[in-house]
Amino acid sequence: MLVRLLNAISCLRRFRLFVALTLENNGTSWTANGKLLRGSNLHHPTATMVLRAPPLTRHVAVIVDTAVIANVGPLIEVVLSQKGDWDVYKIYNKLGEKGIEFEFIPN
């Protein structure tokens, strides 16, 4: 279900899934440099966004215009693949005996 949600949101221009890597504040707004998540594309484009409030760095955030709407970091993470310089989605799958279990997309 989360893969479908991720693909749907990434196609809508109003909503953006964004991972901030660096932040700067100029006194009135925040400039975030990071990556936009685009469906199942494993090479996410870099982007710079000017936001009213700072997102958590290295967390996936839902952005609308200049507002951070939600931090979905507990559900979706982007990690480097062990098979080269690829990005992989680490998506919350279920609660298991040892806590939260994740699924890697692609495996």
Protein backbone atom coordinates (compact mmCIF):
# COMPACT_ATOMS: atom_id res chain seq x y z
CA MET A 1 0.00 0.00 0.00
CA LEU A 2 2.80 2.44 0.84
CA VAL A 3 4.46 1.84 -2.54
CA ARG A 4 1.20 2.84 -4.25
CA LEU A 5 0.90 5.92 -2.04
CA LEU A 6 4.51 6.87 -2.80
CA ASN A 7 3.97 6.52 -6.54
CA ALA A 8 0.69 8.48 -6.42
CA ILE A 9 2.06 11.38 -4.38
CA SER A 10 5.22 11.71 -6.45
CA CYS A 11 3.13 12.23 -9.61
CA LEU A 12 1.10 15.09 -8.14
CA ARG A 13 2.73 18.47 -8.54
CA ARG A 14 1.27 19.95 -5.38
CA PHE A 15 2.63 17.28 -3.04
CA ARG A 16 6.32 16.47 -2.92
CA LEU A 17 8.24 13.86 -1.01
CA PHE A 18 11.56 15.42 -0.07
CA VAL A 19 14.63 14.36 1.90
CA ALA A 20 16.53 17.39 3.23
CA LEU A 21 20.26 16.87 3.50
CA THR A 22 21.34 20.40 4.50
CA LEU A 23 19.49 23.42 5.91
CA GLU A 24 20.21 27.15 6.01
CA ASN A 25 18.20 29.89 7.72
CA ASN A 26 18.14 33.50 6.55
CA GLY A 27 16.02 34.78 9.43
CA THR A 28 12.63 34.42 7.73
CA SER A 29 12.74 31.15 5.81
CA TRP A 30 14.70 27.92 5.49
CA THR A 31 16.59 26.79 2.40
CA ALA A 32 16.77 23.01 2.21
CA ASN A 33 19.02 21.13 -0.19
CA GLY A 34 18.21 17.49 -0.75
CA LYS A 35 16.49 14.95 -2.98
CA LEU A 36 12.98 14.72 -4.44
CA LEU A 37 11.55 11.21 -4.39
CA ARG A 38 10.03 10.13 -7.68
CA GLY A 39 8.09 6.87 -7.59
CA SER A 40 10.32 3.86 -8.09
CA ASN A 41 13.12 5.88 -9.72
CA LEU A 42 16.32 4.93 -7.92
CA HIS A 43 18.26 8.04 -8.96
CA HIS A 44 16.39 10.84 -7.21
CA PRO A 45 17.03 14.36 -8.55
CA THR A 46 18.63 16.93 -6.29
CA ALA A 47 16.54 19.97 -5.41
CA THR A 48 16.63 23.17 -3.40
CA MET A 49 13.44 24.26 -1.63
CA VAL A 50 12.61 27.40 0.32
CA LEU A 51 10.37 26.48 3.25
CA ARG A 52 8.63 28.30 6.10
CA ALA A 53 9.75 25.75 8.68
CA PRO A 54 12.68 23.34 8.70
CA PRO A 55 12.10 19.66 7.99
CA LEU A 56 14.11 17.05 9.86
CA THR A 57 17.24 16.28 7.89
CA ARG A 58 17.59 12.81 6.41
CA HIS A 59 13.86 12.15 6.97
CA VAL A 60 11.24 11.87 4.24
CA ALA A 61 8.83 14.82 4.50
CA VAL A 62 5.64 15.63 2.61
CA ILE A 63 5.92 19.21 1.27
CA VAL A 64 3.07 21.35 -0.09
CA ASP A 65 4.20 24.64 -1.64
CA THR A 66 6.49 26.03 1.10
CA ALA A 67 5.03 24.10 4.05
CA VAL A 68 6.23 20.88 5.67
CA ILE A 69 3.00 18.91 6.13
CA ALA A 70 4.22 15.64 7.64
CA ASN A 71 7.33 13.70 8.50
CA VAL A 72 6.90 10.20 7.11
CA GLY A 73 10.40 9.15 8.12
CA PRO A 74 9.09 6.46 10.48
CA LEU A 75 7.31 4.83 7.50
CA ILE A 76 9.64 5.49 4.56
CA GLU A 77 13.41 5.84 4.47
CA VAL A 78 15.78 6.11 1.54
CA VAL A 79 18.99 4.14 2.03
CA LEU A 80 21.97 3.41 -0.18
CA SER A 81 21.85 -0.01 -1.79
CA GLN A 82 24.58 -2.47 -0.97
CA LYS A 83 24.83 -3.20 -4.73
CA GLY A 84 26.30 0.06 -5.98
CA ASP A 85 25.34 3.72 -5.91
CA TRP A 86 21.57 3.18 -5.98
CA ASP A 87 18.90 4.49 -3.65
CA VAL A 88 16.48 1.97 -2.16
CA TYR A 89 13.18 2.59 -0.37
CA LYS A 90 13.04 1.05 3.09
CA ILE A 91 9.29 0.92 3.71
CA TYR A 92 7.47 0.02 6.91
CA ASN A 93 5.90 -3.36 6.38
CA LYS A 94 4.55 -4.72 9.67
CA LEU A 95 5.13 -5.10 13.38
CA GLY A 96 6.93 -8.32 14.13
CA GLU A 97 8.23 -9.99 17.25
CA LYS A 98 11.36 -7.81 17.17
CA GLY A 99 9.49 -4.54 16.48
CA ILE A 100 8.99 -2.74 13.16
CA GLU A 101 9.93 -4.75 10.08
CA PHE A 102 10.80 -3.08 6.78
CA GLU A 103 10.64 -4.16 3.16
CA PHE A 104 13.32 -3.01 0.71
CA ILE A 105 12.09 -1.78 -2.70
CA PRO A 106 13.65 -3.05 -4.88
CA ASN A 107 15.18 -6.04 -3.07
